[in-house]
Amino acid sequence: MTAFSIEYEFEEIQLVGDGLMAWGTATLVEDGDGEFYVSEIQICGKTFNRHGYGSDQFFSSTNKDIFLTIAKQIETSQHAQETFGEALGDYRQGDPDRAHDERRDYQAMGWL
């Protein structure tokens, strides 16, 4: 089973002091308790992950530091928590027509 995840766009995350800010997209993944963690961050086409690997697939302590600095701010952000909670609630609520659609599709494929 694949964990629930969403893409979360962030703006003005502080990297260093008041001057260096980051904008980009983070992948928020459900941790199993209705909460989330950041699994990946993209800034200007470069990908960062928790293990310190970037788009170039080489480990770098700088990549790891950038990831951890941004991830910590997102994971404690009220806005990110609310956004993720709403998306997870919608996902868990489901589509009432889905069971009907799946049964119809399965019958058409001869699986039922």
C-alpha atoms as a PDB file:
ATOM      1  CA  MET A   1       0.000   0.000   0.000  1.00  0.00           C
ATOM      2  CA  THR A   2       1.313   3.413  -0.955  1.00  0.00           C
ATOM      3  CA  ALA A   3       1.287   6.124   1.697  1.00  0.00           C
ATOM      4  CA  PHE A   4      -0.888   9.162   1.092  1.00  0.00           C
ATOM      5  CA  SER A   5       1.110  12.194  -0.058  1.00  0.00           C
ATOM      6  CA  ILE A   6       0.559  15.684  -1.429  1.00  0.00           C
ATOM      7  CA  GLU A   7       2.682  18.331  -3.087  1.00  0.00           C
ATOM      8  CA  TYR A   8       2.880  21.442  -0.907  1.00  0.00           C
ATOM      9  CA  GLU A   9       4.074  24.755  -2.325  1.00  0.00           C
ATOM     10  CA  PHE A  10       5.971  26.919   0.127  1.00  0.00           C
ATOM     11  CA  GLU A  11       7.186  30.486   0.015  1.00  0.00           C
ATOM     12  CA  GLU A  12       9.684  32.484   2.008  1.00  0.00           C
ATOM     13  CA  ILE A  13      11.212  29.715   4.095  1.00  0.00           C
ATOM     14  CA  GLN A  14      14.254  31.135   5.869  1.00  0.00           C
ATOM     15  CA  LEU A  15      17.518  29.390   5.080  1.00  0.00           C
ATOM     16  CA  VAL A  16      19.970  31.796   6.684  1.00  0.00           C
ATOM     17  CA  GLY A  17      19.103  34.785   8.830  1.00  0.00           C
ATOM     18  CA  ASP A  18      16.612  37.233   7.401  1.00  0.00           C
ATOM     19  CA  GLY A  19      18.148  37.495   3.956  1.00  0.00           C
ATOM     20  CA  LEU A  20      18.254  34.086   2.270  1.00  0.00           C
ATOM     21  CA  MET A  21      14.795  32.695   1.554  1.00  0.00           C
ATOM     22  CA  ALA A  22      13.604  29.647  -0.375  1.00  0.00           C
ATOM     23  CA  TRP A  23      10.533  28.994  -2.505  1.00  0.00           C
ATOM     24  CA  GLY A  24       9.560  25.621  -3.891  1.00  0.00           C
ATOM     25  CA  THR A  25       7.549  22.443  -3.473  1.00  0.00           C
ATOM     26  CA  ALA A  26       7.700  19.810  -0.762  1.00  0.00           C
ATOM     27  CA  THR A  27       6.269  16.306  -0.819  1.00  0.00           C
ATOM     28  CA  LEU A  28       4.335  15.683   2.404  1.00  0.00           C
ATOM     29  CA  VAL A  29       3.805  12.003   3.241  1.00  0.00           C
ATOM     30  CA  GLU A  30       1.437  10.549   5.853  1.00  0.00           C
ATOM     31  CA  ASP A  31       3.330   8.961   8.724  1.00  0.00           C
ATOM     32  CA  GLY A  32       0.519   6.562   9.670  1.00  0.00           C
ATOM     33  CA  ASP A  33      -0.841   8.606  12.589  1.00  0.00           C
ATOM     34  CA  GLY A  34      -2.582  11.270  10.530  1.00  0.00           C
ATOM     35  CA  GLU A  35       0.505  13.454  10.695  1.00  0.00           C
ATOM     36  CA  PHE A  36       3.079  14.002   7.937  1.00  0.00           C
ATOM     37  CA  TYR A  37       6.759  14.275   7.249  1.00  0.00           C
ATOM     38  CA  VAL A  38       8.605  15.930   4.366  1.00  0.00           C
ATOM     39  CA  SER A  39      10.137  13.320   2.071  1.00  0.00           C
ATOM     40  CA  GLU A  40      11.462  15.535  -0.719  1.00  0.00           C
ATOM     41  CA  ILE A  41      11.927  19.209  -1.541  1.00  0.00           C
ATOM     42  CA  GLN A  42      12.309  20.853  -4.939  1.00  0.00           C
ATOM     43  CA  ILE A  43      13.806  24.318  -5.324  1.00  0.00           C
ATOM     44  CA  CYS A  44      14.539  25.792  -8.757  1.00  0.00           C
ATOM     45  CA  GLY A  45      14.542  22.353 -10.386  1.00  0.00           C
ATOM     46  CA  LYS A  46      16.908  20.816  -7.816  1.00  0.00           C
ATOM     47  CA  THR A  47      15.641  18.007  -5.602  1.00  0.00           C
ATOM     48  CA  PHE A  48      16.733  17.510  -2.004  1.00  0.00           C
ATOM     49  CA  ASN A  49      15.952  14.560   0.263  1.00  0.00           C
ATOM     50  CA  ARG A  50      16.394  13.661   3.908  1.00  0.00           C
ATOM     51  CA  HIS A  51      19.477  11.534   3.200  1.00  0.00           C
ATOM     52  CA  GLY A  52      21.501  14.407   1.710  1.00  0.00           C
ATOM     53  CA  TYR A  53      21.167  13.486  -1.938  1.00  0.00           C
ATOM     54  CA  GLY A  54      20.244  16.110  -4.500  1.00  0.00           C
ATOM     55  CA  SER A  55      19.252  15.994  -8.160  1.00  0.00           C
ATOM     56  CA  ASP A  56      22.805  15.017  -9.056  1.00  0.00           C
ATOM     57  CA  GLN A  57      22.474  11.846  -6.887  1.00  0.00           C
ATOM     58  CA  PHE A  58      25.646  12.691  -4.959  1.00  0.00           C
ATOM     59  CA  PHE A  59      25.646  12.978  -1.202  1.00  0.00           C
ATOM     60  CA  SER A  60      26.384  16.400   0.183  1.00  0.00           C
ATOM     61  CA  SER A  61      26.188  17.607   3.762  1.00  0.00           C
ATOM     62  CA  THR A  62      25.068  20.956   2.326  1.00  0.00           C
ATOM     63  CA  ASN A  63      22.156  19.238   0.556  1.00  0.00           C
ATOM     64  CA  LYS A  64      21.207  17.542   3.820  1.00  0.00           C
ATOM     65  CA  ASP A  65      21.458  20.783   5.802  1.00  0.00           C
ATOM     66  CA  ILE A  66      19.278  22.640   3.286  1.00  0.00           C
ATOM     67  CA  PHE A  67      16.701  19.848   3.364  1.00  0.00           C
ATOM     68  CA  LEU A  68      16.598  19.646   7.174  1.00  0.00           C
ATOM     69  CA  THR A  69      16.348  23.428   7.581  1.00  0.00           C
ATOM     70  CA  ILE A  70      13.376  23.659   5.220  1.00  0.00           C
ATOM     71  CA  ALA A  71      11.691  20.415   6.327  1.00  0.00           C
ATOM     72  CA  LYS A  72      11.714  21.445   9.998  1.00  0.00           C
ATOM     73  CA  GLN A  73       9.963  24.719   9.205  1.00  0.00           C
ATOM     74  CA  ILE A  74       7.343  23.019   7.017  1.00  0.00           C
ATOM     75  CA  GLU A  75       6.689  20.188   9.480  1.00  0.00           C
ATOM     76  CA  THR A  76       6.000  22.737  12.246  1.00  0.00           C
ATOM     77  CA  SER A  77       4.034  25.131  10.017  1.00  0.00           C
ATOM     78  CA  GLN A  78       0.381  25.590  10.992  1.00  0.00           C
ATOM     79  CA  HIS A  79      -0.491  26.223   7.326  1.00  0.00           C
ATOM     80  CA  ALA A  80       1.179  23.000   6.162  1.00  0.00           C
ATOM     81  CA  GLN A  81      -0.540  21.012   8.932  1.00  0.00           C
ATOM     82  CA  GLU A  82      -3.951  22.429   8.007  1.00  0.00           C
ATOM     83  CA  THR A  83      -3.382  21.883   4.270  1.00  0.00           C
ATOM     84  CA  PHE A  84      -2.290  18.294   4.820  1.00  0.00           C
ATOM     85  CA  GLY A  85      -5.132  17.594   7.268  1.00  0.00           C
ATOM     86  CA  GLU A  86      -7.765  18.838   4.818  1.00  0.00           C
ATOM     87  CA  ALA A  87      -6.296  16.824   1.925  1.00  0.00           C
ATOM     88  CA  LEU A  88      -6.059  13.681   4.079  1.00  0.00           C
ATOM     89  CA  GLY A  89      -9.662  14.125   5.252  1.00  0.00           C
ATOM     90  CA  ASP A  90     -10.877  14.441   1.669  1.00  0.00           C
ATOM     91  CA  TYR A  91      -8.843  11.386   0.690  1.00  0.00           C
ATOM     92  CA  ARG A  92     -10.204   9.262   3.554  1.00  0.00           C
ATOM     93  CA  GLN A  93     -13.770  10.355   2.892  1.00  0.00           C
ATOM     94  CA  GLY A  94     -13.501   8.823  -0.562  1.00  0.00           C
ATOM     95  CA  ASP A  95     -15.652   9.037  -3.626  1.00  0.00           C
ATOM     96  CA  PRO A  96     -19.141   7.527  -3.109  1.00  0.00           C
ATOM     97  CA  ASP A  97     -19.285   6.479  -6.757  1.00  0.00           C
ATOM     98  CA  ARG A  98     -15.898   4.734  -6.689  1.00  0.00           C
ATOM     99  CA  ALA A  99     -17.197   1.318  -5.573  1.00  0.00           C
ATOM    100  CA  HIS A 100     -19.848   1.387  -8.307  1.00  0.00           C
ATOM    101  CA  ASP A 101     -17.301   2.453 -10.938  1.00  0.00           C
ATOM    102  CA  GLU A 102     -14.818  -0.235  -9.880  1.00  0.00           C
ATOM    103  CA  ARG A 103     -17.451  -2.973  -9.950  1.00  0.00           C
ATOM    104  CA  ARG A 104     -18.592  -1.869 -13.426  1.00  0.00           C
ATOM    105  CA  ASP A 105     -14.990  -1.820 -14.670  1.00  0.00           C
ATOM    106  CA  TYR A 106     -14.181  -5.213 -13.138  1.00  0.00           C
ATOM    107  CA  GLN A 107     -17.275  -6.731 -14.741  1.00  0.00           C
ATOM    108  CA  ALA A 108     -16.301  -5.293 -18.115  1.00  0.00           C
ATOM    109  CA  MET A 109     -12.835  -6.884 -17.773  1.00  0.00           C
ATOM    110  CA  GLY A 110     -14.349 -10.221 -16.751  1.00  0.00           C
ATOM    111  CA  TRP A 111     -12.853 -10.170 -13.278  1.00  0.00           C
ATOM    112  CA  LEU A 112     -16.264 -10.654 -11.617  1.00  0.00           C
END
